[in-house]
Amino acid sequence: MGWEPLGKPRGPRRLEEALDQVASELKSPRAHVLRMVFRAWEDLVGEVLATHSSPVRLVAGELIVTVDDPAWATEMRFFSSELIGRINAAAKEEAVASLTVKVRTR
């Protein structure tokens, strides 16, 4: 059996719509949520914390963040509930349910 398109062919559509469909199949949030988390990270966590942390992945409601030192991991974990609330409020949906913090190896 060869390749078959998913669903009915609908002609051209917006890229964001196509990405949202693929993201849904991968248990990933919609494109606007990913864009907001990764582009607006500093706005979400503040300048100081953004200097020491980076979002890495957001899949199935779990946001994985890396930090450059165990002390910043503690700070990020302490801030996690507020950050989840900020992201979900900005996304206007429950895109993030949990936050996992990992310390980057040097």
PDB file of N, CA and C in Angstrom:
ATOM      1  N   MET A   1       0.843  -1.172   0.000  1.00  0.00           N
ATOM      2  CA  MET A   1       0.000   0.000   0.000  1.00  0.00           C
ATOM      3  C   MET A   1       0.890   1.237   0.000  1.00  0.00           C
ATOM      4  N   GLY A   2       0.595   2.198  -0.833  1.00  0.00           N
ATOM      5  CA  GLY A   2       1.394   3.413  -0.971  1.00  0.00           C
ATOM      6  C   GLY A   2       0.884   4.536  -0.082  1.00  0.00           C
ATOM      7  N   TRP A   3       1.437   5.686  -0.270  1.00  0.00           N
ATOM      8  CA  TRP A   3       1.079   6.876   0.494  1.00  0.00           C
ATOM      9  C   TRP A   3      -0.310   7.349   0.115  1.00  0.00           C
ATOM     10  N   GLU A   4      -1.074   7.748   1.120  1.00  0.00           N
ATOM     11  CA  GLU A   4      -2.397   8.320   0.884  1.00  0.00           C
ATOM     12  C   GLU A   4      -2.530   9.558   1.753  1.00  0.00           C
ATOM     13  N   PRO A   5      -3.134  10.630   1.247  1.00  0.00           N
ATOM     14  CA  PRO A   5      -3.302  11.835   2.061  1.00  0.00           C
ATOM     15  C   PRO A   5      -4.307  11.575   3.177  1.00  0.00           C
ATOM     16  N   LEU A   6      -4.132  12.290   4.292  1.00  0.00           N
ATOM     17  CA  LEU A   6      -5.071  12.192   5.396  1.00  0.00           C
ATOM     18  C   LEU A   6      -6.321  12.996   5.084  1.00  0.00           C
ATOM     19  N   GLY A   7      -7.473  12.419   5.319  1.00  0.00           N
ATOM     20  CA  GLY A   7      -8.727  13.152   5.136  1.00  0.00           C
ATOM     21  C   GLY A   7      -8.981  13.519   3.691  1.00  0.00           C
ATOM     22  N   LYS A   8      -9.971  14.371   3.522  1.00  0.00           N
ATOM     23  CA  LYS A   8     -10.331  14.830   2.172  1.00  0.00           C
ATOM     24  C   LYS A   8      -9.361  15.907   1.708  1.00  0.00           C
ATOM     25  N   PRO A   9      -8.958  15.867   0.458  1.00  0.00           N
ATOM     26  CA  PRO A   9      -8.136  16.965  -0.060  1.00  0.00           C
ATOM     27  C   PRO A   9      -8.959  18.252  -0.035  1.00  0.00           C
ATOM     28  N   ARG A  10      -8.389  19.317   0.513  1.00  0.00           N
ATOM     29  CA  ARG A  10      -9.129  20.571   0.638  1.00  0.00           C
ATOM     30  C   ARG A  10      -8.491  21.708  -0.117  1.00  0.00           C
ATOM     31  N   GLY A  11      -7.457  21.452  -0.823  1.00  0.00           N
ATOM     32  CA  GLY A  11      -6.772  22.539  -1.502  1.00  0.00           C
ATOM     33  C   GLY A  11      -5.813  23.234  -0.559  1.00  0.00           C
ATOM     34  N   PRO A  12      -5.304  24.367  -0.977  1.00  0.00           N
ATOM     35  CA  PRO A  12      -4.336  25.087  -0.150  1.00  0.00           C
ATOM     36  C   PRO A  12      -4.945  25.515   1.183  1.00  0.00           C
ATOM     37  N   ARG A  13      -4.111  25.522   2.220  1.00  0.00           N
ATOM     38  CA  ARG A  13      -4.554  26.025   3.519  1.00  0.00           C
ATOM     39  C   ARG A  13      -3.376  26.687   4.212  1.00  0.00           C
ATOM     40  N   ARG A  14      -3.668  27.402   5.247  1.00  0.00           N
ATOM     41  CA  ARG A  14      -2.630  28.130   5.968  1.00  0.00           C
ATOM     42  C   ARG A  14      -1.645  27.159   6.598  1.00  0.00           C
ATOM     43  N   LEU A  15      -0.376  27.533   6.621  1.00  0.00           N
ATOM     44  CA  LEU A  15       0.670  26.693   7.185  1.00  0.00           C
ATOM     45  C   LEU A  15       0.391  26.405   8.660  1.00  0.00           C
ATOM     46  N   GLU A  16      -0.044  27.410   9.394  1.00  0.00           N
ATOM     47  CA  GLU A  16      -0.314  27.209  10.817  1.00  0.00           C
ATOM     48  C   GLU A  16      -1.383  26.145  11.028  1.00  0.00           C
ATOM     49  N   GLU A  17      -2.389  26.116  10.182  1.00  0.00           N
ATOM     50  CA  GLU A  17      -3.439  25.103  10.279  1.00  0.00           C
ATOM     51  C   GLU A  17      -2.858  23.703  10.057  1.00  0.00           C
ATOM     52  N   ALA A  18      -2.002  23.570   9.048  1.00  0.00           N
ATOM     53  CA  ALA A  18      -1.365  22.280   8.774  1.00  0.00           C
ATOM     54  C   ALA A  18      -0.456  21.865   9.933  1.00  0.00           C
ATOM     55  N   LEU A  19       0.297  22.815  10.478  1.00  0.00           N
ATOM     56  CA  LEU A  19       1.167  22.512  11.609  1.00  0.00           C
ATOM     57  C   LEU A  19       0.366  22.108  12.834  1.00  0.00           C
ATOM     58  N   ASP A  20      -0.776  22.747  13.044  1.00  0.00           N
ATOM     59  CA  ASP A  20      -1.637  22.381  14.168  1.00  0.00           C
ATOM     60  C   ASP A  20      -2.117  20.942  14.045  1.00  0.00           C
ATOM     61  N   GLN A  21      -2.430  20.511  12.841  1.00  0.00           N
ATOM     62  CA  GLN A  21      -2.877  19.137  12.621  1.00  0.00           C
ATOM     63  C   GLN A  21      -1.743  18.162  12.934  1.00  0.00           C
ATOM     64  N   VAL A  22      -0.562  18.444  12.436  1.00  0.00           N
ATOM     65  CA  VAL A  22       0.588  17.578  12.699  1.00  0.00           C
ATOM     66  C   VAL A  22       0.908  17.572  14.191  1.00  0.00           C
ATOM     67  N   ALA A  23       0.891  18.737  14.824  1.00  0.00           N
ATOM     68  CA  ALA A  23       1.178  18.835  16.253  1.00  0.00           C
ATOM     69  C   ALA A  23       0.188  18.007  17.066  1.00  0.00           C
ATOM     70  N   SER A  24      -1.073  18.064  16.695  1.00  0.00           N
ATOM     71  CA  SER A  24      -2.104  17.289  17.388  1.00  0.00           C
ATOM     72  C   SER A  24      -1.805  15.798  17.309  1.00  0.00           C
ATOM     73  N   GLU A  25      -1.400  15.332  16.152  1.00  0.00           N
ATOM     74  CA  GLU A  25      -1.085  13.915  15.976  1.00  0.00           C
ATOM     75  C   GLU A  25       0.143  13.501  16.782  1.00  0.00           C
ATOM     76  N   LEU A  26       1.037  14.453  17.055  1.00  0.00           N
ATOM     77  CA  LEU A  26       2.251  14.180  17.831  1.00  0.00           C
ATOM     78  C   LEU A  26       2.074  14.476  19.320  1.00  0.00           C
ATOM     79  N   LYS A  27       0.840  14.783  19.729  1.00  0.00           N
ATOM     80  CA  LYS A  27       0.527  15.147  21.114  1.00  0.00           C
ATOM     81  C   LYS A  27       1.279  16.404  21.550  1.00  0.00           C
ATOM     82  N   SER A  28       1.474  17.288  20.619  1.00  0.00           N
ATOM     83  CA  SER A  28       2.150  18.548  20.860  1.00  0.00           C
ATOM     84  C   SER A  28       1.108  19.664  20.825  1.00  0.00           C
ATOM     85  N   PRO A  29       1.367  20.776  21.492  1.00  0.00           N
ATOM     86  CA  PRO A  29       0.404  21.868  21.453  1.00  0.00           C
ATOM     87  C   PRO A  29       0.355  22.532  20.079  1.00  0.00           C
ATOM     88  N   ARG A  30      -0.629  23.395  19.919  1.00  0.00           N
ATOM     89  CA  ARG A  30      -0.781  24.089  18.643  1.00  0.00           C
ATOM     90  C   ARG A  30       0.403  25.023  18.393  1.00  0.00           C
ATOM     91  N   ALA A  31       0.583  25.357  17.132  1.00  0.00           N
ATOM     92  CA  ALA A  31       1.745  26.145  16.699  1.00  0.00           C
ATOM     93  C   ALA A  31       1.867  27.465  17.451  1.00  0.00           C
ATOM     94  N   HIS A  32       0.764  28.157  17.695  1.00  0.00           N
ATOM     95  CA  HIS A  32       0.864  29.464  18.368  1.00  0.00           C
ATOM     96  C   HIS A  32       1.370  29.320  19.800  1.00  0.00           C
ATOM     97  N   VAL A  33       1.080  28.202  20.451  1.00  0.00           N
ATOM     98  CA  VAL A  33       1.567  27.978  21.813  1.00  0.00           C
ATOM     99  C   VAL A  33       3.078  27.755  21.793  1.00  0.00           C
ATOM    100  N   LEU A  34       3.541  26.911  20.894  1.00  0.00           N
ATOM    101  CA  LEU A  34       4.985  26.682  20.785  1.00  0.00           C
ATOM    102  C   LEU A  34       5.729  27.968  20.461  1.00  0.00           C
ATOM    103  N   ARG A  35       5.197  28.717  19.517  1.00  0.00           N
ATOM    104  CA  ARG A  35       5.825  29.986  19.129  1.00  0.00           C
ATOM    105  C   ARG A  35       5.893  30.921  20.330  1.00  0.00           C
ATOM    106  N   MET A  36       4.807  31.012  21.081  1.00  0.00           N
ATOM    107  CA  MET A  36       4.769  31.911  22.222  1.00  0.00           C
ATOM    108  C   MET A  36       5.766  31.489  23.291  1.00  0.00           C
ATOM    109  N   VAL A  37       5.823  30.206  23.628  1.00  0.00           N
ATOM    110  CA  VAL A  37       6.732  29.747  24.680  1.00  0.00           C
ATOM    111  C   VAL A  37       8.187  29.970  24.281  1.00  0.00           C
ATOM    112  N   PHE A  38       8.543  29.601  23.064  1.00  0.00           N
ATOM    113  CA  PHE A  38       9.949  29.683  22.667  1.00  0.00           C
ATOM    114  C   PHE A  38      10.395  31.092  22.307  1.00  0.00           C
ATOM    115  N   ARG A  39       9.530  31.899  21.735  1.00  0.00           N
ATOM    116  CA  ARG A  39       9.923  33.275  21.370  1.00  0.00           C
ATOM    117  C   ARG A  39       9.797  34.248  22.533  1.00  0.00           C
ATOM    118  N   ALA A  40       8.831  34.025  23.400  1.00  0.00           N
ATOM    119  CA  ALA A  40       8.563  34.986  24.474  1.00  0.00           C
ATOM    120  C   ALA A  40       9.067  34.479  25.819  1.00  0.00           C
ATOM    121  N   TRP A  41      10.045  33.603  25.819  1.00  0.00           N
ATOM    122  CA  TRP A  41      10.540  33.017  27.060  1.00  0.00           C
ATOM    123  C   TRP A  41      10.952  34.087  28.065  1.00  0.00           C
ATOM    124  N   GLU A  42      11.701  35.069  27.626  1.00  0.00           N
ATOM    125  CA  GLU A  42      12.149  36.127  28.541  1.00  0.00           C
ATOM    126  C   GLU A  42      10.959  36.888  29.134  1.00  0.00           C
ATOM    127  N   ASP A  43       9.951  37.152  28.333  1.00  0.00           N
ATOM    128  CA  ASP A  43       8.759  37.840  28.835  1.00  0.00           C
ATOM    129  C   ASP A  43       8.017  36.980  29.854  1.00  0.00           C
ATOM    130  N   LEU A  44       8.053  35.671  29.677  1.00  0.00           N
ATOM    131  CA  LEU A  44       7.339  34.767  30.578  1.00  0.00           C
ATOM    132  C   LEU A  44       8.048  34.580  31.912  1.00  0.00           C
ATOM    133  N   VAL A  45       9.390  34.489  31.889  1.00  0.00           N
ATOM    134  CA  VAL A  45      10.126  34.174  33.119  1.00  0.00           C
ATOM    135  C   VAL A  45      10.934  35.339  33.678  1.00  0.00           C
ATOM    136  N   GLY A  46      11.087  36.397  32.920  1.00  0.00           N
ATOM    137  CA  GLY A  46      11.898  37.518  33.364  1.00  0.00           C
ATOM    138  C   GLY A  46      13.317  37.409  32.831  1.00  0.00           C
ATOM    139  N   GLU A  47      13.981  38.544  32.759  1.00  0.00           N
ATOM    140  CA  GLU A  47      15.307  38.620  32.141  1.00  0.00           C
ATOM    141  C   GLU A  47      16.342  37.764  32.853  1.00  0.00           C
ATOM    142  N   VAL A  48      16.374  37.809  34.179  1.00  0.00           N
ATOM    143  CA  VAL A  48      17.408  37.081  34.925  1.00  0.00           C
ATOM    144  C   VAL A  48      17.236  35.578  34.766  1.00  0.00           C
ATOM    145  N   LEU A  49      16.031  35.075  34.985  1.00  0.00           N
ATOM    146  CA  LEU A  49      15.801  33.640  34.865  1.00  0.00           C
ATOM    147  C   LEU A  49      15.972  33.169  33.420  1.00  0.00           C
ATOM    148  N   ALA A  50      15.603  33.995  32.462  1.00  0.00           N
ATOM    149  CA  ALA A  50      15.770  33.632  31.046  1.00  0.00           C
ATOM    150  C   ALA A  50      17.248  33.485  30.677  1.00  0.00           C
ATOM    151  N   THR A  51      18.111  34.243  31.337  1.00  0.00           N
ATOM    152  CA  THR A  51      19.549  34.154  31.088  1.00  0.00           C
ATOM    153  C   THR A  51      20.098  32.783  31.484  1.00  0.00           C
ATOM    154  N   HIS A  52      19.447  32.146  32.451  1.00  0.00           N
ATOM    155  CA  HIS A  52      19.941  30.881  32.993  1.00  0.00           C
ATOM    156  C   HIS A  52      19.078  29.673  32.624  1.00  0.00           C
ATOM    157  N   SER A  53      18.045  29.873  31.817  1.00  0.00           N
ATOM    158  CA  SER A  53      17.143  28.769  31.484  1.00  0.00           C
ATOM    159  C   SER A  53      16.692  28.842  30.026  1.00  0.00           C
ATOM    160  N   SER A  54      16.263  27.686  29.523  1.00  0.00           N
ATOM    161  CA  SER A  54      15.754  27.615  28.148  1.00  0.00           C
ATOM    162  C   SER A  54      14.665  26.552  28.072  1.00  0.00           C
ATOM    163  N   PRO A  55      13.570  26.862  27.385  1.00  0.00           N
ATOM    164  CA  PRO A  55      12.594  25.805  27.127  1.00  0.00           C
ATOM    165  C   PRO A  55      13.185  24.862  26.078  1.00  0.00           C
ATOM    166  N   VAL A  56      12.962  23.570  26.253  1.00  0.00           N
ATOM    167  CA  VAL A  56      13.547  22.595  25.338  1.00  0.00           C
ATOM    168  C   VAL A  56      12.466  21.881  24.542  1.00  0.00           C
ATOM    169  N   ARG A  57      11.389  21.493  25.231  1.00  0.00           N
ATOM    170  CA  ARG A  57      10.372  20.685  24.571  1.00  0.00           C
ATOM    171  C   ARG A  57       9.048  20.852  25.297  1.00  0.00           C
ATOM    172  N   LEU A  58       7.971  20.826  24.535  1.00  0.00           N
ATOM    173  CA  LEU A  58       6.620  20.861  25.092  1.00  0.00           C
ATOM    174  C   LEU A  58       5.807  19.800  24.373  1.00  0.00           C
ATOM    175  N   VAL A  59       5.568  18.687  25.066  1.00  0.00           N
ATOM    176  CA  VAL A  59       4.844  17.563  24.480  1.00  0.00           C
ATOM    177  C   VAL A  59       3.880  17.004  25.518  1.00  0.00           C
ATOM    178  N   ALA A  60       2.653  16.744  25.074  1.00  0.00           N
ATOM    179  CA  ALA A  60       1.624  16.133  25.925  1.00  0.00           C
ATOM    180  C   ALA A  60       1.461  16.875  27.250  1.00  0.00           C
ATOM    181  N   GLY A  61       1.574  18.198  27.200  1.00  0.00           N
ATOM    182  CA  GLY A  61       1.366  19.023  28.386  1.00  0.00           C
ATOM    183  C   GLY A  61       2.555  19.161  29.301  1.00  0.00           C
ATOM    184  N   GLU A  62       3.663  18.520  28.976  1.00  0.00           N
ATOM    185  CA  GLU A  62       4.860  18.607  29.804  1.00  0.00           C
ATOM    186  C   GLU A  62       5.872  19.543  29.148  1.00  0.00           C
ATOM    187  N   LEU A  63       6.215  20.619  29.863  1.00  0.00           N
ATOM    188  CA  LEU A  63       7.238  21.553  29.399  1.00  0.00           C
ATOM    189  C   LEU A  63       8.553  21.161  30.049  1.00  0.00           C
ATOM    190  N   ILE A  64       9.558  20.905  29.234  1.00  0.00           N
ATOM    191  CA  ILE A  64      10.888  20.579  29.744  1.00  0.00           C
ATOM    192  C   ILE A  64      11.773  21.798  29.558  1.00  0.00           C
ATOM    193  N   VAL A  65      12.413  22.179  30.644  1.00  0.00           N
ATOM    194  CA  VAL A  65      13.265  23.369  30.680  1.00  0.00           C
ATOM    195  C   VAL A  65      14.635  22.951  31.175  1.00  0.00           C
ATOM    196  N   THR A  66      15.675  23.490  30.571  1.00  0.00           N
ATOM    197  CA  THR A  66      17.026  23.260  31.084  1.00  0.00           C
ATOM    198  C   THR A  66      17.530  24.535  31.737  1.00  0.00           C
ATOM    199  N   VAL A  67      18.366  24.342  32.746  1.00  0.00           N
ATOM    200  CA  VAL A  67      18.999  25.469  33.445  1.00  0.00           C
ATOM    201  C   VAL A  67      20.494  25.192  33.520  1.00  0.00           C
ATOM    202  N   ASP A  68      21.270  26.231  33.793  1.00  0.00           N
ATOM    203  CA  ASP A  68      22.724  26.073  33.774  1.00  0.00           C
ATOM    204  C   ASP A  68      23.353  25.787  35.132  1.00  0.00           C
ATOM    205  N   ASP A  69      22.535  25.678  36.191  1.00  0.00           N
ATOM    206  CA  ASP A  69      23.083  25.443  37.520  1.00  0.00           C
ATOM    207  C   ASP A  69      21.981  24.878  38.416  1.00  0.00           C
ATOM    208  N   PRO A  70      22.323  23.992  39.354  1.00  0.00           N
ATOM    209  CA  PRO A  70      21.298  23.441  40.244  1.00  0.00           C
ATOM    210  C   PRO A  70      20.524  24.507  41.034  1.00  0.00           C
ATOM    211  N   ALA A  71      21.175  25.612  41.363  1.00  0.00           N
ATOM    212  CA  ALA A  71      20.476  26.678  42.086  1.00  0.00           C
ATOM    213  C   ALA A  71      19.329  27.248  41.240  1.00  0.00           C
ATOM    214  N   TRP A  72      19.550  27.366  39.930  1.00  0.00           N
ATOM    215  CA  TRP A  72      18.498  27.875  39.047  1.00  0.00           C
ATOM    216  C   TRP A  72      17.412  26.819  38.842  1.00  0.00           C
ATOM    217  N   ALA A  73      17.764  25.550  38.972  1.00  0.00           N
ATOM    218  CA  ALA A  73      16.748  24.492  38.914  1.00  0.00           C
ATOM    219  C   ALA A  73      15.789  24.644  40.082  1.00  0.00           C
ATOM    220  N   THR A  74      16.332  24.910  41.264  1.00  0.00           N
ATOM    221  CA  THR A  74      15.491  25.125  42.448  1.00  0.00           C
ATOM    222  C   THR A  74      14.587  26.330  42.244  1.00  0.00           C
ATOM    223  N   GLU A  75      15.136  27.410  41.733  1.00  0.00           N
ATOM    224  CA  GLU A  75      14.353  28.623  41.466  1.00  0.00           C
ATOM    225  C   GLU A  75      13.238  28.349  40.451  1.00  0.00           C
ATOM    226  N   MET A  76      13.561  27.635  39.395  1.00  0.00           N
ATOM    227  CA  MET A  76      12.578  27.328  38.355  1.00  0.00           C
ATOM    228  C   MET A  76      11.468  26.443  38.914  1.00  0.00           C
ATOM    229  N   ARG A  77      11.820  25.456  39.719  1.00  0.00           N
ATOM    230  CA  ARG A  77      10.799  24.582  40.317  1.00  0.00           C
ATOM    231  C   ARG A  77       9.889  25.382  41.242  1.00  0.00           C
ATOM    232  N   PHE A  78      10.466  26.305  42.013  1.00  0.00           N
ATOM    233  CA  PHE A  78       9.681  27.143  42.904  1.00  0.00           C
ATOM    234  C   PHE A  78       8.696  28.006  42.112  1.00  0.00           C
ATOM    235  N   PHE A  79       9.112  28.450  40.953  1.00  0.00           N
ATOM    236  CA  PHE A  79       8.344  29.350  40.086  1.00  0.00           C
ATOM    237  C   PHE A  79       7.395  28.591  39.148  1.00  0.00           C
ATOM    238  N   SER A  80       7.457  27.257  39.130  1.00  0.00           N
ATOM    239  CA  SER A  80       6.767  26.465  38.105  1.00  0.00           C
ATOM    240  C   SER A  80       5.259  26.671  38.051  1.00  0.00           C
ATOM    241  N   SER A  81       4.579  26.705  39.181  1.00  0.00           N
ATOM    242  CA  SER A  81       3.118  26.887  39.160  1.00  0.00           C
ATOM    243  C   SER A  81       2.730  28.220  38.540  1.00  0.00           C
ATOM    244  N   GLU A  82       3.453  29.259  38.919  1.00  0.00           N
ATOM    245  CA  GLU A  82       3.172  30.577  38.351  1.00  0.00           C
ATOM    246  C   GLU A  82       3.470  30.606  36.848  1.00  0.00           C
ATOM    247  N   LEU A  83       4.569  29.982  36.449  1.00  0.00           N
ATOM    248  CA  LEU A  83       4.930  29.951  35.033  1.00  0.00           C
ATOM    249  C   LEU A  83       3.891  29.188  34.213  1.00  0.00           C
ATOM    250  N   ILE A  84       3.448  28.050  34.709  1.00  0.00           N
ATOM    251  CA  ILE A  84       2.406  27.283  34.018  1.00  0.00           C
ATOM    252  C   ILE A  84       1.162  28.139  33.850  1.00  0.00           C
ATOM    253  N   GLY A  85       0.782  28.849  34.887  1.00  0.00           N
ATOM    254  CA  GLY A  85      -0.376  29.748  34.812  1.00  0.00           C
ATOM    255  C   GLY A  85      -0.181  30.851  33.784  1.00  0.00           C
ATOM    256  N   ARG A  86       1.004  31.438  33.747  1.00  0.00           N
ATOM    257  CA  ARG A  86       1.286  32.503  32.771  1.00  0.00           C
ATOM    258  C   ARG A  86       1.202  31.986  31.334  1.00  0.00           C
ATOM    259  N   ILE A  87       1.800  30.824  31.098  1.00  0.00           N
ATOM    260  CA  ILE A  87       1.787  30.263  29.751  1.00  0.00           C
ATOM    261  C   ILE A  87       0.360  29.946  29.326  1.00  0.00           C
ATOM    262  N   ASN A  88      -0.394  29.290  30.192  1.00  0.00           N
ATOM    263  CA  ASN A  88      -1.765  28.923  29.840  1.00  0.00           C
ATOM    264  C   ASN A  88      -2.646  30.152  29.649  1.00  0.00           C
ATOM    265  N   ALA A  89      -2.427  31.180  30.443  1.00  0.00           N
ATOM    266  CA  ALA A  89      -3.196  32.420  30.269  1.00  0.00           C
ATOM    267  C   ALA A  89      -2.855  33.078  28.937  1.00  0.00           C
ATOM    268  N   ALA A  90      -1.568  33.132  28.614  1.00  0.00           N
ATOM    269  CA  ALA A  90      -1.155  33.742  27.345  1.00  0.00           C
ATOM    270  C   ALA A  90      -1.641  32.923  26.153  1.00  0.00           C
ATOM    271  N   ALA A  91      -1.654  31.601  26.297  1.00  0.00           N
ATOM    272  CA  ALA A  91      -2.090  30.725  25.205  1.00  0.00           C
ATOM    273  C   ALA A  91      -3.610  30.652  25.091  1.00  0.00           C
ATOM    274  N   LYS A  92      -4.300  31.066  26.153  1.00  0.00           N
ATOM    275  CA  LYS A  92      -5.762  30.984  26.221  1.00  0.00           C
ATOM    276  C   LYS A  92      -6.241  29.534  26.106  1.00  0.00           C
ATOM    277  N   GLU A  93      -5.434  28.612  26.648  1.00  0.00           N
ATOM    278  CA  GLU A  93      -5.790  27.197  26.702  1.00  0.00           C
ATOM    279  C   GLU A  93      -4.869  26.514  27.704  1.00  0.00           C
ATOM    280  N   GLU A  94      -5.239  25.327  28.132  1.00  0.00           N
ATOM    281  CA  GLU A  94      -4.428  24.563  29.078  1.00  0.00           C
ATOM    282  C   GLU A  94      -3.365  23.781  28.304  1.00  0.00           C
ATOM    283  N   ALA A  95      -2.353  24.469  27.849  1.00  0.00           N
ATOM    284  CA  ALA A  95      -1.312  23.859  27.026  1.00  0.00           C
ATOM    285  C   ALA A  95      -0.241  23.169  27.863  1.00  0.00           C
ATOM    286  N   VAL A  96      -0.007  23.672  29.070  1.00  0.00           N
ATOM    287  CA  VAL A  96       1.035  23.118  29.938  1.00  0.00           C
ATOM    288  C   VAL A  96       0.395  22.636  31.233  1.00  0.00           C
ATOM    289  N   ALA A  97       0.642  21.372  31.561  1.00  0.00           N
ATOM    290  CA  ALA A  97       0.121  20.792  32.797  1.00  0.00           C
ATOM    291  C   ALA A  97       1.227  20.583  33.826  1.00  0.00           C
ATOM    292  N   SER A  98       2.457  20.365  33.346  1.00  0.00           N
ATOM    293  CA  SER A  98       3.567  20.121  34.266  1.00  0.00           C
ATOM    294  C   SER A  98       4.857  20.683  33.690  1.00  0.00           C
ATOM    295  N   LEU A  99       5.802  20.882  34.583  1.00  0.00           N
ATOM    296  CA  LEU A  99       7.100  21.437  34.211  1.00  0.00           C
ATOM    297  C   LEU A  99       8.180  20.525  34.758  1.00  0.00           C
ATOM    298  N   THR A 100       9.099  20.119  33.908  1.00  0.00           N
ATOM    299  CA  THR A 100      10.257  19.322  34.317  1.00  0.00           C
ATOM    300  C   THR A 100      11.500  20.156  34.090  1.00  0.00           C
ATOM    301  N   VAL A 101      12.344  20.234  35.113  1.00  0.00           N
ATOM    302  CA  VAL A 101      13.554  21.039  35.041  1.00  0.00           C
ATOM    303  C   VAL A 101      14.761  20.123  35.059  1.00  0.00           C
ATOM    304  N   LYS A 102      15.676  20.342  34.137  1.00  0.00           N
ATOM    305  CA  LYS A 102      16.910  19.561  34.069  1.00  0.00           C
ATOM    306  C   LYS A 102      18.103  20.511  34.053  1.00  0.00           C
ATOM    307  N   VAL A 103      19.163  20.107  34.715  1.00  0.00           N
ATOM    308  CA  VAL A 103      20.388  20.899  34.711  1.00  0.00           C
ATOM    309  C   VAL A 103      21.229  20.458  33.519  1.00  0.00           C
ATOM    310  N   ARG A 104      21.632  21.448  32.696  1.00  0.00           N
ATOM    311  CA  ARG A 104      22.482  21.157  31.526  1.00  0.00           C
ATOM    312  C   ARG A 104      23.853  20.687  32.002  1.00  0.00           C
ATOM    313  N   THR A 105      24.374  19.701  31.301  1.00  0.00           N
ATOM    314  CA  THR A 105      25.741  19.262  31.597  1.00  0.00           C
ATOM    315  C   THR A 105      26.701  20.196  30.888  1.00  0.00           C
ATOM    316  N   ARG A 106      27.812  20.394  31.470  1.00  0.00           N
ATOM    317  CA  ARG A 106      28.784  21.342  30.899  1.00  0.00           C
ATOM    318  C   ARG A 106      29.731  20.678  29.980  1.00  0.00           C
TER     319      ARG A 106
END
